[in-house]
Amino acid sequence: MEQILDGNLVEKEAVQYEFAGFWLRFFALLIDGIIIGSISTAVLYLNLGGWKNYWLQLIVTLLVAAYKPFCEFSYGATIGKKAMKIKVVNENFEPLSLQNALLRDIFSLVQEAISIVYFSRVFFSKSIDSVDSFSSYTHVLSSMNFYVATRGLVGILIIIDVIYFLVNSQHRALHDLIGKTFVIQQQ
């Protein structure tokens, strides 16, 4: 089982795989962001505007966190990746294990965990009384210095992830290396 890793093409047992480039992955992420972002933003907006239900917010956040690892583990792709005809495979070009999927999405999982900590602080404090919109919610969050610092750190990680992707001949981002995955175009 000889593998030739050269540029954009990989050959494994006479099967060639083409790595998914920046724009395919970008538009897949955009599609997923529109779908997941629309749902989670609508729930957050309604929840902050009146319901103020902690458990609803927690469930939505957990579903958002689980979306990518679940889809990539179960189907090899999210809705956005399926639409762009790309899929995620392990380093042997086989379906992901649960461990691959979780490690691959570690940045977003940590970001969602941080989100849970912060909205928990808001929901279980007197600050929740002053929250009546998304704007007032972000104002309360921005008053928490550690929140601002962690969001900055997440931003730096995203920039490093994209830069690594752009200079890697196999179009692997840092999170692909961590999860031991490739994103390839479907045959």
C-alpha atoms as a PDB file:
ATOM      1  CA  MET A   1       0.000   0.000   0.000  1.00  0.00           C
ATOM      2  CA  GLU A   2       2.204   2.743  -1.293  1.00  0.00           C
ATOM      3  CA  GLN A   3       1.154   6.337  -0.863  1.00  0.00           C
ATOM      4  CA  ILE A   4       2.526   9.169  -2.899  1.00  0.00           C
ATOM      5  CA  LEU A   5       1.917  12.529  -1.276  1.00  0.00           C
ATOM      6  CA  ASP A   6       2.786  15.127  -3.854  1.00  0.00           C
ATOM      7  CA  GLY A   7       1.144  18.507  -4.187  1.00  0.00           C
ATOM      8  CA  ASN A   8      -2.599  18.325  -4.780  1.00  0.00           C
ATOM      9  CA  LEU A   9      -2.879  14.669  -5.773  1.00  0.00           C
ATOM     10  CA  VAL A  10      -2.463  11.536  -3.704  1.00  0.00           C
ATOM     11  CA  GLU A  11      -2.476   8.023  -5.063  1.00  0.00           C
ATOM     12  CA  LYS A  12      -3.471   5.094  -2.864  1.00  0.00           C
ATOM     13  CA  GLU A  13      -3.868   1.688  -4.428  1.00  0.00           C
ATOM     14  CA  ALA A  14      -4.293   3.251  -7.886  1.00  0.00           C
ATOM     15  CA  VAL A  15      -6.990   5.631  -6.603  1.00  0.00           C
ATOM     16  CA  GLN A  16      -6.239   9.314  -6.861  1.00  0.00           C
ATOM     17  CA  TYR A  17      -7.586  11.828  -4.390  1.00  0.00           C
ATOM     18  CA  GLU A  18      -7.586  15.543  -4.949  1.00  0.00           C
ATOM     19  CA  PHE A  19      -7.362  17.740  -1.887  1.00  0.00           C
ATOM     20  CA  ALA A  20     -10.110  20.318  -1.485  1.00  0.00           C
ATOM     21  CA  GLY A  21      -8.791  23.822  -2.019  1.00  0.00           C
ATOM     22  CA  PHE A  22      -9.461  27.050  -0.183  1.00  0.00           C
ATOM     23  CA  TRP A  23     -12.594  28.161  -2.040  1.00  0.00           C
ATOM     24  CA  LEU A  24     -14.377  24.796  -1.808  1.00  0.00           C
ATOM     25  CA  ARG A  25     -13.736  24.690   1.920  1.00  0.00           C
ATOM     26  CA  PHE A  26     -14.597  28.369   2.358  1.00  0.00           C
ATOM     27  CA  PHE A  27     -17.984  28.028   0.642  1.00  0.00           C
ATOM     28  CA  ALA A  28     -18.718  24.810   2.582  1.00  0.00           C
ATOM     29  CA  LEU A  29     -18.015  26.718   5.799  1.00  0.00           C
ATOM     30  CA  LEU A  30     -20.156  29.610   4.599  1.00  0.00           C
ATOM     31  CA  ILE A  31     -23.113  27.294   3.869  1.00  0.00           C
ATOM     32  CA  ASP A  32     -22.775  25.638   7.281  1.00  0.00           C
ATOM     33  CA  GLY A  33     -22.463  29.038   8.935  1.00  0.00           C
ATOM     34  CA  ILE A  34     -25.644  30.285   7.279  1.00  0.00           C
ATOM     35  CA  ILE A  35     -27.590  27.182   8.352  1.00  0.00           C
ATOM     36  CA  ILE A  36     -26.283  26.854  11.901  1.00  0.00           C
ATOM     37  CA  GLY A  37     -25.866  30.585  12.434  1.00  0.00           C
ATOM     38  CA  SER A  38     -29.439  31.343  11.378  1.00  0.00           C
ATOM     39  CA  ILE A  39     -30.905  28.823  13.788  1.00  0.00           C
ATOM     40  CA  SER A  40     -28.671  29.616  16.757  1.00  0.00           C
ATOM     41  CA  THR A  41     -28.956  33.399  16.255  1.00  0.00           C
ATOM     42  CA  ALA A  42     -32.752  33.214  16.025  1.00  0.00           C
ATOM     43  CA  VAL A  43     -32.953  31.201  19.239  1.00  0.00           C
ATOM     44  CA  LEU A  44     -30.476  33.514  20.988  1.00  0.00           C
ATOM     45  CA  TYR A  45     -32.398  36.598  19.832  1.00  0.00           C
ATOM     46  CA  LEU A  46     -35.748  35.242  21.029  1.00  0.00           C
ATOM     47  CA  ASN A  47     -34.249  33.871  24.212  1.00  0.00           C
ATOM     48  CA  LEU A  48     -32.517  37.105  25.195  1.00  0.00           C
ATOM     49  CA  GLY A  49     -35.476  39.224  24.147  1.00  0.00           C
ATOM     50  CA  GLY A  50     -37.899  37.595  26.516  1.00  0.00           C
ATOM     51  CA  TRP A  51     -37.655  33.902  27.325  1.00  0.00           C
ATOM     52  CA  LYS A  52     -34.289  34.027  29.138  1.00  0.00           C
ATOM     53  CA  ASN A  53     -34.242  30.249  29.380  1.00  0.00           C
ATOM     54  CA  TYR A  54     -30.785  28.970  30.327  1.00  0.00           C
ATOM     55  CA  TRP A  55     -31.543  25.354  29.406  1.00  0.00           C
ATOM     56  CA  LEU A  56     -32.724  26.275  25.920  1.00  0.00           C
ATOM     57  CA  GLN A  57     -29.516  28.230  25.361  1.00  0.00           C
ATOM     58  CA  LEU A  58     -27.426  25.348  26.676  1.00  0.00           C
ATOM     59  CA  ILE A  59     -29.138  22.792  24.410  1.00  0.00           C
ATOM     60  CA  VAL A  60     -28.746  24.987  21.320  1.00  0.00           C
ATOM     61  CA  THR A  61     -25.067  25.605  22.110  1.00  0.00           C
ATOM     62  CA  LEU A  62     -24.427  21.878  22.603  1.00  0.00           C
ATOM     63  CA  LEU A  63     -26.172  21.098  19.299  1.00  0.00           C
ATOM     64  CA  VAL A  64     -24.064  23.725  17.522  1.00  0.00           C
ATOM     65  CA  ALA A  65     -20.916  22.234  19.085  1.00  0.00           C
ATOM     66  CA  ALA A  66     -21.898  18.693  18.069  1.00  0.00           C
ATOM     67  CA  TYR A  67     -22.918  19.522  14.482  1.00  0.00           C
ATOM     68  CA  LYS A  68     -19.539  19.303  12.728  1.00  0.00           C
ATOM     69  CA  PRO A  69     -18.022  16.362  14.619  1.00  0.00           C
ATOM     70  CA  PHE A  70     -21.279  14.400  14.359  1.00  0.00           C
ATOM     71  CA  CYS A  71     -21.725  15.024  10.620  1.00  0.00           C
ATOM     72  CA  GLU A  72     -18.080  14.376   9.780  1.00  0.00           C
ATOM     73  CA  PHE A  73     -17.996  11.187  11.861  1.00  0.00           C
ATOM     74  CA  SER A  74     -21.360   9.889  10.642  1.00  0.00           C
ATOM     75  CA  TYR A  75     -21.373  11.047   7.010  1.00  0.00           C
ATOM     76  CA  GLY A  76     -17.854  12.262   6.239  1.00  0.00           C
ATOM     77  CA  ALA A  77     -19.195  15.750   5.612  1.00  0.00           C
ATOM     78  CA  THR A  78     -21.393  18.528   6.923  1.00  0.00           C
ATOM     79  CA  ILE A  79     -24.272  19.873   4.826  1.00  0.00           C
ATOM     80  CA  GLY A  80     -21.958  22.551   3.439  1.00  0.00           C
ATOM     81  CA  LYS A  81     -19.252  20.045   2.541  1.00  0.00           C
ATOM     82  CA  LYS A  82     -21.819  17.795   0.838  1.00  0.00           C
ATOM     83  CA  ALA A  83     -23.062  20.768  -1.172  1.00  0.00           C
ATOM     84  CA  MET A  84     -19.494  21.513  -2.288  1.00  0.00           C
ATOM     85  CA  LYS A  85     -18.824  17.812  -2.983  1.00  0.00           C
ATOM     86  CA  ILE A  86     -15.965  17.473  -0.509  1.00  0.00           C
ATOM     87  CA  LYS A  87     -15.503  15.128   2.420  1.00  0.00           C
ATOM     88  CA  VAL A  88     -13.255  14.576   5.402  1.00  0.00           C
ATOM     89  CA  VAL A  89     -11.204  11.393   5.660  1.00  0.00           C
ATOM     90  CA  ASN A  90      -8.478  10.165   7.969  1.00  0.00           C
ATOM     91  CA  GLU A  91      -4.825   9.909   6.931  1.00  0.00           C
ATOM     92  CA  ASN A  92      -5.520   6.479   5.389  1.00  0.00           C
ATOM     93  CA  PHE A  93      -8.315   8.033   3.288  1.00  0.00           C
ATOM     94  CA  GLU A  94     -10.917   6.115   5.282  1.00  0.00           C
ATOM     95  CA  PRO A  95     -13.945   7.393   7.239  1.00  0.00           C
ATOM     96  CA  LEU A  96     -13.171   9.287  10.431  1.00  0.00           C
ATOM     97  CA  SER A  97     -13.189   7.711  13.852  1.00  0.00           C
ATOM     98  CA  LEU A  98     -14.993   9.633  16.572  1.00  0.00           C
ATOM     99  CA  GLN A  99     -11.590  10.595  17.963  1.00  0.00           C
ATOM    100  CA  ASN A 100     -10.506  12.018  14.567  1.00  0.00           C
ATOM    101  CA  ALA A 101     -13.721  14.043  14.338  1.00  0.00           C
ATOM    102  CA  LEU A 102     -13.477  15.428  17.877  1.00  0.00           C
ATOM    103  CA  LEU A 103      -9.786  16.310  17.574  1.00  0.00           C
ATOM    104  CA  ARG A 104     -10.332  17.887  14.152  1.00  0.00           C
ATOM    105  CA  ASP A 105     -12.982  20.196  15.608  1.00  0.00           C
ATOM    106  CA  ILE A 106     -11.166  20.903  18.873  1.00  0.00           C
ATOM    107  CA  PHE A 107     -10.937  24.673  18.211  1.00  0.00           C
ATOM    108  CA  SER A 108     -14.687  25.056  17.739  1.00  0.00           C
ATOM    109  CA  LEU A 109     -15.440  22.706  20.652  1.00  0.00           C
ATOM    110  CA  VAL A 110     -13.247  24.794  22.967  1.00  0.00           C
ATOM    111  CA  GLN A 111     -14.888  27.970  21.639  1.00  0.00           C
ATOM    112  CA  GLU A 112     -18.370  26.568  22.388  1.00  0.00           C
ATOM    113  CA  ALA A 113     -17.229  25.455  25.868  1.00  0.00           C
ATOM    114  CA  ILE A 114     -16.007  29.004  26.537  1.00  0.00           C
ATOM    115  CA  SER A 115     -19.341  30.297  25.248  1.00  0.00           C
ATOM    116  CA  ILE A 116     -21.178  28.071  27.746  1.00  0.00           C
ATOM    117  CA  VAL A 117     -19.073  29.424  30.615  1.00  0.00           C
ATOM    118  CA  TYR A 118     -19.852  33.015  29.666  1.00  0.00           C
ATOM    119  CA  PHE A 119     -23.541  32.734  28.978  1.00  0.00           C
ATOM    120  CA  SER A 120     -23.852  30.733  32.218  1.00  0.00           C
ATOM    121  CA  ARG A 121     -22.254  33.627  34.069  1.00  0.00           C
ATOM    122  CA  VAL A 122     -24.721  36.047  32.475  1.00  0.00           C
ATOM    123  CA  PHE A 123     -27.811  33.859  32.981  1.00  0.00           C
ATOM    124  CA  PHE A 124     -27.014  33.155  36.634  1.00  0.00           C
ATOM    125  CA  SER A 125     -26.162  36.739  37.569  1.00  0.00           C
ATOM    126  CA  LYS A 126     -28.178  39.884  38.084  1.00  0.00           C
ATOM    127  CA  SER A 127     -26.830  41.021  34.684  1.00  0.00           C
ATOM    128  CA  ILE A 128     -29.542  38.966  33.003  1.00  0.00           C
ATOM    129  CA  ASP A 129     -32.130  41.503  34.189  1.00  0.00           C
ATOM    130  CA  SER A 130     -30.478  44.209  32.066  1.00  0.00           C
ATOM    131  CA  VAL A 131     -30.353  41.979  28.970  1.00  0.00           C
ATOM    132  CA  ASP A 132     -33.244  42.582  26.603  1.00  0.00           C
ATOM    133  CA  SER A 133     -31.514  42.255  23.226  1.00  0.00           C
ATOM    134  CA  PHE A 134     -28.488  40.785  21.527  1.00  0.00           C
ATOM    135  CA  SER A 135     -26.821  44.183  21.776  1.00  0.00           C
ATOM    136  CA  SER A 136     -27.226  44.406  25.545  1.00  0.00           C
ATOM    137  CA  TYR A 137     -26.046  40.776  25.872  1.00  0.00           C
ATOM    138  CA  THR A 138     -22.824  41.530  23.972  1.00  0.00           C
ATOM    139  CA  HIS A 139     -22.387  44.664  26.116  1.00  0.00           C
ATOM    140  CA  VAL A 140     -22.561  42.551  29.285  1.00  0.00           C
ATOM    141  CA  LEU A 141     -20.139  40.006  27.796  1.00  0.00           C
ATOM    142  CA  SER A 142     -17.677  42.671  26.682  1.00  0.00           C
ATOM    143  CA  SER A 143     -17.507  43.981  30.254  1.00  0.00           C
ATOM    144  CA  MET A 144     -15.926  40.648  31.225  1.00  0.00           C
ATOM    145  CA  ASN A 145     -12.198  41.143  30.566  1.00  0.00           C
ATOM    146  CA  PHE A 146     -11.432  37.429  30.305  1.00  0.00           C
ATOM    147  CA  TYR A 147     -14.129  37.065  27.636  1.00  0.00           C
ATOM    148  CA  VAL A 148     -12.474  39.712  25.490  1.00  0.00           C
ATOM    149  CA  ALA A 149      -9.065  38.039  25.942  1.00  0.00           C
ATOM    150  CA  THR A 150     -10.343  34.551  25.045  1.00  0.00           C
ATOM    151  CA  ARG A 151     -12.135  35.860  21.941  1.00  0.00           C
ATOM    152  CA  GLY A 152      -8.865  37.475  20.884  1.00  0.00           C
ATOM    153  CA  LEU A 153      -7.012  34.194  21.408  1.00  0.00           C
ATOM    154  CA  VAL A 154      -9.611  32.339  19.318  1.00  0.00           C
ATOM    155  CA  GLY A 155      -9.153  34.933  16.573  1.00  0.00           C
ATOM    156  CA  ILE A 156      -5.383  34.417  16.602  1.00  0.00           C
ATOM    157  CA  LEU A 157      -5.846  30.619  16.366  1.00  0.00           C
ATOM    158  CA  ILE A 158      -8.149  31.051  13.369  1.00  0.00           C
ATOM    159  CA  ILE A 159      -5.568  33.250  11.625  1.00  0.00           C
ATOM    160  CA  ILE A 160      -2.808  30.692  12.298  1.00  0.00           C
ATOM    161  CA  ASP A 161      -5.102  27.912  11.042  1.00  0.00           C
ATOM    162  CA  VAL A 162      -5.789  29.758   7.771  1.00  0.00           C
ATOM    163  CA  ILE A 163      -2.138  30.703   7.220  1.00  0.00           C
ATOM    164  CA  TYR A 164      -1.058  27.106   7.761  1.00  0.00           C
ATOM    165  CA  PHE A 165      -3.697  25.970   5.267  1.00  0.00           C
ATOM    166  CA  LEU A 166      -2.540  28.470   2.650  1.00  0.00           C
ATOM    167  CA  VAL A 167       1.111  27.373   2.817  1.00  0.00           C
ATOM    168  CA  ASN A 168       0.443  23.623   3.027  1.00  0.00           C
ATOM    169  CA  SER A 169       0.660  21.800  -0.315  1.00  0.00           C
ATOM    170  CA  GLN A 170      -1.969  19.273   0.822  1.00  0.00           C
ATOM    171  CA  HIS A 171      -4.389  22.041   1.790  1.00  0.00           C
ATOM    172  CA  ARG A 172      -4.367  20.899   5.392  1.00  0.00           C
ATOM    173  CA  ALA A 173      -5.207  23.373   8.121  1.00  0.00           C
ATOM    174  CA  LEU A 174      -3.807  23.099  11.623  1.00  0.00           C
ATOM    175  CA  HIS A 175      -7.041  21.445  12.778  1.00  0.00           C
ATOM    176  CA  ASP A 176      -6.586  18.808  10.037  1.00  0.00           C
ATOM    177  CA  LEU A 177      -3.156  17.971  11.438  1.00  0.00           C
ATOM    178  CA  ILE A 178      -4.529  17.727  14.969  1.00  0.00           C
ATOM    179  CA  GLY A 179      -7.346  15.418  13.826  1.00  0.00           C
ATOM    180  CA  LYS A 180      -5.088  13.529  11.401  1.00  0.00           C
ATOM    181  CA  THR A 181      -7.465  14.263   8.535  1.00  0.00           C
ATOM    182  CA  PHE A 182      -7.579  15.373   4.907  1.00  0.00           C
ATOM    183  CA  VAL A 183     -10.399  17.148   3.119  1.00  0.00           C
ATOM    184  CA  ILE A 184     -10.729  15.710  -0.374  1.00  0.00           C
ATOM    185  CA  GLN A 185     -12.947  16.227  -3.364  1.00  0.00           C
ATOM    186  CA  GLN A 186     -15.503  13.460  -3.772  1.00  0.00           C
ATOM    187  CA  GLN A 187     -14.969  11.101  -6.684  1.00  0.00           C
END
